Protein backbone atom coordinates (compact mmCIF):
# COMPACT_ATOMS: atom_id res chain seq x y z
CA UNK A 1 132.59 22.71 32.01
CA UNK A 2 133.88 26.18 33.31
CA UNK A 3 134.00 26.33 37.10
CA UNK A 4 132.00 29.38 38.46
CA UNK A 5 132.07 31.36 41.89
CA UNK A 6 129.00 30.51 44.05
CA UNK A 7 129.20 34.20 45.34
CA UNK A 8 128.97 37.50 44.20
CA UNK A 9 132.19 39.89 43.89
CA UNK A 10 131.13 43.50 44.67
CA UNK A 11 133.19 45.76 42.56
CA UNK A 12 133.79 49.25 43.34
CA UNK A 13 132.62 52.40 41.14
CA UNK A 14 133.95 52.33 37.84
CA UNK A 15 137.13 53.76 36.71
CA UNK A 16 138.11 53.32 40.92
CA UNK A 17 142.13 52.58 41.37
CA UNK A 18 141.11 50.34 44.02
CA UNK A 19 139.66 47.65 41.57
CA UNK A 20 142.67 45.15 42.06
CA UNK A 21 142.61 45.51 45.58
CA UNK A 22 138.86 45.11 45.99
CA UNK A 23 138.86 41.99 44.01
CA UNK A 24 142.09 40.60 45.22
CA UNK A 25 140.86 41.11 48.55
CA UNK A 26 137.36 38.93 48.13
CA UNK A 27 139.08 36.24 46.61
CA UNK A 28 141.34 35.97 49.40
CA UNK A 29 139.17 36.17 51.98
CA UNK A 30 136.93 33.74 50.39
CA UNK A 31 139.68 30.98 49.94
CA UNK A 32 140.75 31.91 54.11
CA UNK A 33 136.94 31.24 55.25
CA UNK A 34 136.83 28.42 52.91
CA UNK A 35 133.91 29.41 50.51
CA UNK A 36 136.47 28.33 47.99
CA UNK A 37 137.43 25.25 49.44
CA UNK A 38 141.12 23.59 48.85
CA UNK A 39 141.81 22.05 45.35
CA UNK A 40 139.21 23.62 43.99
CA UNK A 41 139.78 24.74 39.78
CA UNK A 42 138.99 28.38 38.85
CA UNK A 43 137.53 29.93 36.45
CA UNK A 44 139.85 30.83 33.33
CA UNK A 45 141.24 34.47 33.46
CA UNK A 46 139.14 35.34 30.64
CA UNK A 47 136.18 33.85 31.77
CA UNK A 48 136.34 35.57 35.51
CA UNK A 49 136.95 39.10 33.66
CA UNK A 50 133.69 38.23 31.41
CA UNK A 51 131.45 36.90 34.33
CA UNK A 52 132.33 39.62 36.69
CA UNK A 53 132.79 42.74 34.28
CA UNK A 54 136.44 43.41 34.53
CA UNK A 55 139.48 43.73 32.36
CA UNK A 56 141.48 40.23 31.63
CA UNK A 57 144.69 42.39 33.11
CA UNK A 58 142.73 42.74 36.25
CA UNK A 59 142.16 38.90 36.38
CA UNK A 60 145.21 38.16 35.47
CA UNK A 61 146.64 40.48 37.94
CA UNK A 62 144.40 38.76 40.77
CA UNK A 63 145.18 35.59 39.98
CA UNK A 64 148.72 36.07 39.88
CA UNK A 65 149.06 37.82 43.06
CA UNK A 66 147.18 34.97 44.89
CA UNK A 67 149.39 32.52 43.39
CA UNK A 68 153.15 34.71 44.38
CA UNK A 69 150.85 34.48 47.83
CA UNK A 70 150.65 30.86 48.36
CA UNK A 71 146.89 30.78 47.84
CA UNK A 72 146.77 29.99 44.80
CA UNK A 73 148.29 27.02 42.45
CA UNK A 74 148.54 27.10 38.66
CA UNK A 75 148.86 23.75 37.13
CA UNK A 76 149.68 24.62 33.69
CA UNK A 77 147.03 23.94 30.95
CA UNK A 78 144.89 21.90 34.12
CA UNK A 79 144.27 25.43 35.05
CA UNK A 80 144.63 27.55 37.99
CA UNK A 81 143.24 26.05 41.64
CA UNK A 82 143.02 27.05 45.06
CA UNK A 83 145.94 25.69 47.06
CA UNK A 84 145.89 22.82 49.30
CA UNK A 85 147.95 23.83 52.23
CA UNK A 86 147.27 27.80 53.09
CA UNK A 87 150.12 30.36 53.97
CA UNK A 88 150.38 30.92 57.67
CA UNK A 89 148.23 34.19 59.13
CA UNK A 90 149.05 36.46 61.66
CA UNK A 91 146.57 35.95 64.87
CA UNK A 92 143.76 38.68 64.11
CA UNK A 93 142.97 37.17 60.81
CA UNK A 94 142.77 38.01 57.29
CA UNK A 95 143.79 41.51 56.99
CA UNK A 96 146.58 41.52 54.50
CA UNK A 97 149.97 42.03 56.49
CA UNK A 98 151.95 45.17 55.63
CA UNK A 99 154.48 43.84 53.34
CA UNK A 100 151.72 42.15 51.30
CA UNK A 101 149.64 45.23 51.32
CA UNK A 102 152.48 47.59 50.09
CA UNK A 103 153.41 44.62 47.43
CA UNK A 104 149.84 44.90 46.37
CA UNK A 105 149.96 48.79 46.11
CA UNK A 106 153.32 47.99 44.31
CA UNK A 107 151.68 45.62 41.72
CA UNK A 108 147.92 47.80 41.27
CA UNK A 109 150.30 50.75 40.37
CA UNK A 110 152.76 48.95 37.76
CA UNK A 111 149.07 48.14 36.11
CA UNK A 112 147.10 51.19 37.05
CA UNK A 113 147.37 52.87 33.44
CA UNK A 114 146.48 49.68 31.45
CA UNK A 115 143.71 48.34 33.54
CA UNK A 116 141.05 50.91 33.41
CA UNK A 117 138.52 49.82 31.46
CA UNK A 118 138.01 49.91 27.84
CA UNK A 119 135.43 52.29 26.65
CA UNK A 120 133.92 52.26 23.18
CA UNK A 121 136.46 53.08 20.82
CA UNK A 122 136.10 56.66 19.43
CA UNK A 123 136.12 57.85 15.51
CA UNK A 124 139.31 59.77 15.39
CA UNK A 125 141.40 57.76 18.17
CA UNK A 126 145.14 58.25 18.09
CA UNK A 127 145.34 54.84 19.73
CA UNK A 128 149.49 53.44 20.62
CA UNK A 129 150.54 49.90 20.41
CA UNK A 130 148.36 48.53 17.07
CA UNK A 131 149.22 48.46 13.76
CA UNK A 132 147.18 48.59 10.78
CA UNK A 133 145.72 45.83 9.79
CA UNK A 134 143.88 45.92 7.00
CA UNK A 135 147.03 45.88 4.60
CA UNK A 136 147.90 42.80 6.08
CA UNK A 137 148.11 39.93 3.50
CA UNK A 138 145.27 37.52 5.37
CA UNK A 139 144.96 35.43 2.37
CA UNK A 140 148.37 34.34 2.40
CA UNK A 141 148.41 33.31 6.03
CA UNK A 142 145.47 31.32 5.69
CA UNK A 143 147.25 29.47 3.14
CA UNK A 144 150.37 28.99 5.01
CA UNK A 145 148.51 28.22 8.15
CA UNK A 146 146.71 25.56 6.10
CA UNK A 147 149.42 24.18 4.94
CA UNK A 148 150.86 23.69 8.92
CA UNK A 149 147.78 22.31 9.51
CA UNK A 150 148.03 19.46 7.25
CA UNK A 151 151.66 18.46 8.40
CA UNK A 152 150.42 18.67 11.80
CA UNK A 153 148.04 15.89 11.06
CA UNK A 154 150.74 13.60 9.95
CA UNK A 155 152.61 14.25 12.21
CA UNK A 156 153.03 11.81 15.34
CA UNK A 157 150.80 13.15 18.50
CA UNK A 158 152.96 14.98 21.10
CA UNK A 159 153.96 18.00 22.83
CA UNK A 160 156.05 20.72 20.86
CA UNK A 161 159.59 22.25 22.57
CA UNK A 162 159.42 24.69 25.02
CA UNK A 163 161.72 26.84 23.75
CA UNK A 164 160.06 26.98 20.40
CA UNK A 165 159.67 25.24 16.95
CA UNK A 166 163.53 24.93 15.34
CA UNK A 167 162.10 26.11 12.06
CA UNK A 168 160.91 29.54 13.58
CA UNK A 169 163.67 29.92 15.94
CA UNK A 170 166.12 29.39 12.01
CA UNK A 171 163.62 32.24 10.74
CA UNK A 172 163.93 34.72 13.55
CA UNK A 173 167.97 34.41 13.59
CA UNK A 174 168.10 35.38 9.85
CA UNK A 175 165.39 38.22 10.64
CA UNK A 176 166.98 40.16 13.85
CA UNK A 177 170.29 39.52 12.00
CA UNK A 178 169.15 41.11 8.74
CA UNK A 179 166.49 43.76 10.79
CA UNK A 180 168.69 44.74 13.55
CA UNK A 181 171.95 43.37 13.16
CA UNK A 182 171.52 41.32 15.79
CA UNK A 183 174.09 38.31 15.89
CA UNK A 184 172.64 35.36 17.30
CA UNK A 185 172.00 31.67 16.40
CA UNK A 186 168.79 29.51 16.58
CA UNK A 187 169.47 27.94 19.97
CA UNK A 188 170.05 31.48 21.45
CA UNK A 189 166.47 31.96 20.99
CA UNK A 190 163.53 30.87 23.43
CA UNK A 191 160.10 31.68 21.81
CA UNK A 192 157.47 33.55 24.02
CA UNK A 193 153.45 34.11 23.94
CA UNK A 194 154.41 37.81 22.91
CA UNK A 195 156.68 39.89 24.94
CA UNK A 196 154.65 40.27 27.76
CA UNK A 197 155.32 36.45 28.13
CA UNK A 198 158.92 37.08 27.83
CA UNK A 199 159.27 39.89 30.48
CA UNK A 200 157.39 37.67 33.02
CA UNK A 201 159.72 34.88 32.23
CA UNK A 202 162.47 36.81 32.76
CA UNK A 203 161.35 38.00 36.09
CA UNK A 204 160.97 34.54 36.97
CA UNK A 205 164.59 33.77 36.52
CA UNK A 206 166.14 36.82 37.29
CA UNK A 207 164.37 37.87 40.45
CA UNK A 208 164.69 36.73 43.96
CA UNK A 209 161.16 38.37 46.00
CA UNK A 210 162.13 41.15 48.04
CA UNK A 211 165.67 41.68 47.31
CA UNK A 212 166.63 42.29 43.48
CA UNK A 213 166.67 45.30 42.12
CA UNK A 214 165.06 46.25 38.72
CA UNK A 215 165.97 49.49 37.32
CA UNK A 216 162.98 50.57 34.89
CA UNK A 217 163.00 54.06 32.28
CA UNK A 218 160.40 56.62 33.62
CA UNK A 219 158.46 57.32 31.97
CA UNK A 220 158.02 53.79 30.94
CA UNK A 221 156.00 50.09 29.92
CA UNK A 222 153.16 49.48 32.42
CA UNK A 223 153.60 45.92 31.64
CA UNK A 224 156.91 45.44 31.69
CA UNK A 225 156.76 47.15 35.24
CA UNK A 226 154.13 44.87 36.20
CA UNK A 227 155.78 41.67 35.15
CA UNK A 228 158.96 42.41 37.42
CA UNK A 229 156.33 43.88 40.16
CA UNK A 230 154.59 40.43 40.01
CA UNK A 231 157.64 38.71 41.01
CA UNK A 232 158.49 40.66 43.68
CA UNK A 233 161.30 42.77 42.20
CA UNK A 234 162.16 46.26 44.26
CA UNK A 235 161.12 48.58 41.67
CA UNK A 236 163.46 51.88 40.82
CA UNK A 237 162.29 54.19 38.29
CA UNK A 238 165.59 56.30 36.67
CA UNK A 239 164.64 59.18 34.65
CA UNK A 240 164.87 59.32 30.97
CA UNK A 241 166.15 62.71 28.94
CA UNK A 242 167.01 63.26 25.30
CA UNK A 243 169.68 60.49 25.37
CA UNK A 244 167.59 57.98 26.48
CA UNK A 245 167.91 56.71 30.09
CA UNK A 246 170.34 58.45 32.17
CA UNK A 247 172.68 55.76 33.18
CA UNK A 248 174.73 57.98 35.96
CA UNK A 249 171.05 58.08 37.91
CA UNK A 250 170.99 53.88 38.63
CA UNK A 251 171.35 52.76 41.48
CA UNK A 252 174.04 51.24 42.67
CA UNK A 253 172.69 47.58 43.43
CA UNK A 254 170.50 47.81 40.67
CA UNK A 255 170.91 43.82 39.12
CA UNK A 256 168.17 43.99 36.03
CA UNK A 257 168.08 46.73 34.09
CA UNK A 258 164.95 47.04 31.30
CA UNK A 259 165.51 49.42 28.61
CA UNK A 260 164.01 50.35 25.31
CA UNK A 261 167.07 52.23 23.13
CA UNK A 262 166.13 51.99 19.77
CA UNK A 263 162.19 53.58 20.38
CA UNK A 264 161.63 54.47 24.04
CA UNK A 265 158.47 53.96 25.16
CA UNK A 266 156.53 56.32 25.45
CA UNK A 267 158.86 59.15 24.79
CA UNK A 268 159.94 57.88 21.40
CA UNK A 269 163.95 59.04 22.14
CA UNK A 270 166.42 56.65 20.97
CA UNK A 271 169.48 56.08 23.74
CA UNK A 272 172.58 57.59 22.23
CA UNK A 273 175.91 55.65 21.78
CA UNK A 274 177.52 57.30 24.41
CA UNK A 275 174.57 55.94 26.89
CA UNK A 276 174.85 52.36 25.23
CA UNK A 277 178.57 52.06 26.10
CA UNK A 278 177.63 53.49 29.81
CA UNK A 279 174.84 51.19 30.27
CA UNK A 280 177.27 48.01 29.07
CA UNK A 281 180.00 49.35 31.40
CA UNK A 282 177.57 49.96 34.70
CA UNK A 283 176.13 46.34 33.96
CA UNK A 284 179.73 44.11 33.25
CA UNK A 285 181.37 46.05 36.35
CA UNK A 286 178.51 45.64 38.74
CA UNK A 287 177.28 42.51 37.74
CA UNK A 288 173.83 43.07 36.35
CA UNK A 289 171.94 41.97 33.08
CA UNK A 290 170.27 44.00 30.62
CA UNK A 291 166.38 43.35 29.26
CA UNK A 292 166.54 45.31 25.93
CA UNK A 293 162.92 45.23 24.46
CA UNK A 294 163.37 46.00 21.06
CA UNK A 295 159.22 46.37 20.57
CA UNK A 296 159.13 48.05 17.06
CA UNK A 297 162.70 48.42 15.71
CA UNK A 298 161.45 47.48 12.09
CA UNK A 299 160.11 50.86 11.66
CA UNK A 300 162.60 53.13 11.20
CA UNK A 301 162.53 56.48 9.32
CA UNK A 302 165.50 57.99 8.44
CA UNK A 303 169.46 57.31 9.27
CA UNK A 304 170.91 54.08 10.00
CA UNK A 305 169.77 52.74 13.25
CA UNK A 306 172.35 52.26 16.34
CA UNK A 307 173.18 49.24 17.22
CA UNK A 308 171.74 47.06 19.09
CA UNK A 309 172.56 46.53 22.55
CA UNK A 310 172.73 42.69 22.08
CA UNK A 311 175.24 43.81 19.23
CA UNK A 312 177.49 45.70 21.24
CA UNK A 313 177.57 43.15 24.27
CA UNK A 314 180.75 41.48 25.06
CA UNK A 315 179.83 40.17 28.50
CA UNK A 316 176.93 38.08 27.88
CA UNK A 317 174.74 40.10 30.24
CA UNK A 318 172.25 41.04 27.63
CA UNK A 319 168.59 39.32 26.56
CA UNK A 320 166.87 40.86 23.90
CA UNK A 321 163.27 41.26 23.62
CA UNK A 322 161.03 41.00 20.19
CA UNK A 323 157.92 40.34 19.15
CA UNK A 324 155.61 40.13 15.95
CA UNK A 325 152.90 42.27 17.77
CA UNK A 326 153.57 45.43 15.97
CA UNK A 327 155.19 44.14 12.98
CA UNK A 328 152.34 41.76 12.17
CA UNK A 329 149.36 41.76 14.62
CA UNK A 330 148.87 41.44 18.23
CA UNK A 331 146.37 38.51 18.52
CA UNK A 332 149.57 36.19 16.72
CA UNK A 333 150.64 36.85 20.77
CA UNK A 334 154.32 35.45 19.67
CA UNK A 335 157.80 36.71 20.63
CA UNK A 336 160.85 36.22 21.52
CA UNK A 337 164.11 36.21 23.68
CA UNK A 338 167.46 36.13 22.32
CA UNK A 339 169.22 35.27 25.46
CA UNK A 340 172.67 34.55 26.80
CA UNK A 341 173.97 31.11 27.08
CA UNK A 342 174.09 30.68 30.63
CA UNK A 343 170.80 31.43 31.12
CA UNK A 344 168.98 29.61 28.21
CA UNK A 345 168.40 26.19 29.97
CA UNK A 346 166.47 28.28 32.73
CA UNK A 347 164.47 30.24 30.49
CA UNK A 348 163.28 27.49 28.29
CA UNK A 349 162.61 25.83 31.98
CA UNK A 350 160.53 28.74 32.99
CA UNK A 351 158.98 28.58 29.48
CA UNK A 352 158.15 25.11 30.31
CA UNK A 353 156.59 25.66 33.53
CA UNK A 354 154.40 28.75 32.10
CA UNK A 355 152.15 26.92 29.47
CA UNK A 356 154.41 23.98 28.11
CA UNK A 357 154.82 25.75 24.39
CA UNK A 358 153.73 28.37 21.91
CA UNK A 359 151.08 26.59 19.81
CA UNK A 360 152.88 24.64 16.81
CA UNK A 361 151.03 25.66 13.98
CA UNK A 362 151.17 29.48 14.29
CA UNK A 363 155.07 29.10 14.83
CA UNK A 364 155.41 26.71 11.91
CA UNK A 365 152.94 29.17 10.03
CA UNK A 366 155.19 32.02 11.00
CA UNK A 367 158.28 30.17 10.02
CA UNK A 368 157.13 30.07 6.31
CA UNK A 369 155.77 34.06 6.60
CA UNK A 370 159.27 35.15 7.73
CA UNK A 371 161.47 32.28 5.17
CA UNK A 372 159.31 32.79 2.01
CA UNK A 373 160.07 36.46 2.45
CA UNK A 374 156.23 37.86 3.19
CA UNK A 375 157.84 39.53 6.49
CA UNK A 376 160.18 41.50 4.83
CA UNK A 377 157.62 42.77 2.08
CA UNK A 378 155.01 43.45 4.36
CA UNK A 379 156.95 45.45 6.58
CA UNK A 380 158.32 47.42 3.69
CA UNK A 381 154.68 48.44 2.80
CA UNK A 382 153.81 49.30 6.11
CA UNK A 383 157.19 51.34 6.61
CA UNK A 384 155.59 53.52 3.53
CA UNK A 385 152.51 54.21 4.77
CA UNK A 386 153.29 54.35 8.36
CA UNK A 387 156.28 57.15 7.25
CA UNK A 388 153.62 59.02 5.15
CA UNK A 389 151.32 59.27 8.62
CA UNK A 390 154.09 60.31 10.79
CA UNK A 391 155.29 63.16 8.23
CA UNK A 392 151.80 64.11 8.20
CA UNK A 393 151.48 65.03 11.95
CA UNK A 394 154.37 66.42 12.17
CA UNK A 395 153.81 68.55 9.77
CA UNK A 396 150.56 69.62 11.22
CA UNK A 397 152.08 69.53 14.94
CA UNK A 398 154.07 72.11 13.76
CA UNK A 399 152.10 74.67 11.56
CA UNK A 400 149.08 74.49 14.09
CA UNK A 401 149.53 72.99 17.35
CA UNK A 402 153.40 74.30 17.93
CA UNK A 403 151.86 77.10 20.26
CA UNK A 404 150.52 74.26 22.57
CA UNK A 405 153.20 71.54 21.78
CA UNK A 406 156.47 70.97 21.89
CA UNK A 407 157.54 67.66 19.67
CA UNK A 408 159.98 64.91 21.20
CA UNK A 409 162.57 64.34 18.72
CA UNK A 410 162.25 60.44 17.27
CA UNK A 411 162.35 58.60 14.28
CA UNK A 412 161.02 55.79 14.63
CA UNK A 413 158.02 53.56 15.76
CA UNK A 414 154.14 53.72 15.31
CA UNK A 415 153.94 56.64 17.70
CA UNK A 416 155.11 60.31 18.39
CA UNK A 417 155.49 62.41 21.63
CA UNK A 418 154.54 66.17 22.65
CA UNK A 419 155.27 68.07 25.60
CA UNK A 420 152.74 70.36 26.49
CA UNK A 421 153.79 73.71 26.72
CA UNK A 422 152.87 75.86 29.66
CA UNK A 423 149.99 78.11 28.05
CA UNK A 424 148.03 74.87 27.95
CA UNK A 425 145.93 73.61 30.05
CA UNK A 426 146.20 69.60 28.99
CA UNK A 427 143.70 68.22 31.95
CA UNK A 428 140.90 69.84 30.88
CA UNK A 429 141.99 69.21 26.99
CA UNK A 430 141.80 65.68 28.00
CA UNK A 431 138.66 65.78 29.59
CA UNK A 432 136.90 67.34 26.84
CA UNK A 433 138.27 65.87 24.15
CA UNK A 434 136.01 62.16 24.23
CA UNK A 435 132.74 64.53 23.88
CA UNK A 436 134.27 65.55 20.22
CA UNK A 437 134.74 62.09 19.09
CA UNK A 438 138.13 62.26 20.05
CA UNK A 439 141.00 59.87 21.74
CA UNK A 440 143.36 61.24 22.84
CA UNK A 441 146.50 59.91 25.38
CA UNK A 442 148.45 61.85 27.65
CA UNK A 443 151.82 61.30 28.98
CA UNK A 444 150.93 61.32 32.57
CA UNK A 445 150.07 57.45 33.57
CA UNK A 446 153.69 56.27 32.30
CA UNK A 447 155.27 58.12 34.98
CA UNK A 448 156.26 56.48 38.46
CA UNK A 449 155.35 59.16 40.91
CA UNK A 450 154.88 63.07 39.72
CA UNK A 451 155.31 63.22 36.08
CA UNK A 452 158.22 65.53 34.96
CA UNK A 453 156.35 66.50 31.82
CA UNK A 454 153.02 66.65 30.41
CA UNK A 455 151.96 66.11 27.49
CA UNK A 456 150.56 63.72 24.75
CA UNK A 457 151.45 60.21 23.05
CA UNK A 458 150.26 60.33 19.13
CA UNK A 459 149.90 57.02 17.81
CA UNK A 460 149.13 56.33 13.92
CA UNK A 461 148.96 53.08 13.55
CA UNK A 462 145.37 52.76 13.38
CA UNK A 463 144.24 56.31 12.01
CA UNK A 464 144.74 56.94 8.16
CA UNK A 465 145.84 60.30 6.86
CA UNK A 466 142.32 61.27 6.92
CA UNK A 467 141.34 60.72 10.23
CA UNK A 468 144.97 62.52 11.32
CA UNK A 469 143.92 65.38 9.67
CA UNK A 470 140.28 65.39 11.33
CA UNK A 471 141.91 64.61 14.30
CA UNK A 472 144.53 67.32 15.06
CA UNK A 473 141.82 70.09 13.66
CA UNK A 474 139.63 69.03 16.42
CA UNK A 475 142.55 69.09 19.19
CA UNK A 476 143.47 72.63 18.11
CA UNK A 477 139.76 73.99 19.06
CA UNK A 478 140.26 71.97 21.46
CA UNK A 479 143.26 73.73 22.70
CA UNK A 480 141.98 76.97 21.56
CA UNK A 481 139.02 76.93 23.66
């Protein structure tokens, strides 16, 4: 039976940026005061979110913060429990210390863009990061899944490898060699529950709380930032220009550098060959590591892609992170890390500590899906569909909205970005768009600090060509009015 709290949790007004702070403070106070006794098993984050009407990300962030502070203890599949021994408190009571409060603020800032409560989807929505599942071959997936289940029904009962199923690691090694020229062996790969868990595991093994300096692109991907903030890293945002991460702006003491060189999120720029070489030289000279997130590298529209950083790496300093959330579907929750040999054992141990292993039946299904060529065929099909949508989006932005928007050059992925010109009151347009059943997504939340530029990010994974045409027509009316 799912445990429940025996007291209410008061939430701030909807949309408040104090949500995480408030929930965290109330749970911590309940633990300190003994209302949540030592050893008590807490509800799952999913159950907590459903019970108290918050997003699951807020629930996860709250539990992670309390765990990092020593108030909670995560015991894998057994659940999350109130720690038997609580941290020492200052004499003035349960008010958070300044360092803890600073860390909470940093964690909240990293989470903020993705923590807002989800509203009812709008009819014309340029959503980000979601592929079109209508074209996915679910019947084939179902047959392969049934075959994997039959095989497991005959297998001895036990746990699977935390590093991942051998067949899937072999399939991934062949796939990334073909799709991205990433040279690796199956033993170099650790299978994760999506890219987000990959970031979390890497933060666990690479970050010393309060000391490790982690450089991230600005603007950048908030969940990646959140994973390193949760581990207590000193986050340093580094600006991005038309060539990608500005290597010259990296702090000299950076020990972890997170980049998206193939298709920077959210700007969409591709890191130049010059910057790639400079980044690897910086990492090798300073003893730093590079985390290369290739989240949608399968979808390229024109030209030969530049080599992945992992392919160029001669100093064993690059961790290559991949996911199947964009090429297949997000609910699959499978990703991987191609790790340097020196880090493989630690990364596998971190995966073991986190959740033992990813679902083996799903792993075996995916291994067959890749091995039998279904992934490659699906990607080729979807590349044509997305290319058509992207071309239409570019055409209409140029033709009808060039007065208000300047398109950021890019040739990959499932979204593109356009900077707003000085002629446009973008805040007003964003406020009025939902009333017109139009979902548009501003660039502002992806910056740390004051945004260098205002703009919109247009996803075309879930909106078809008719929707793109209608959506941009409504956007043009909003800009005109």
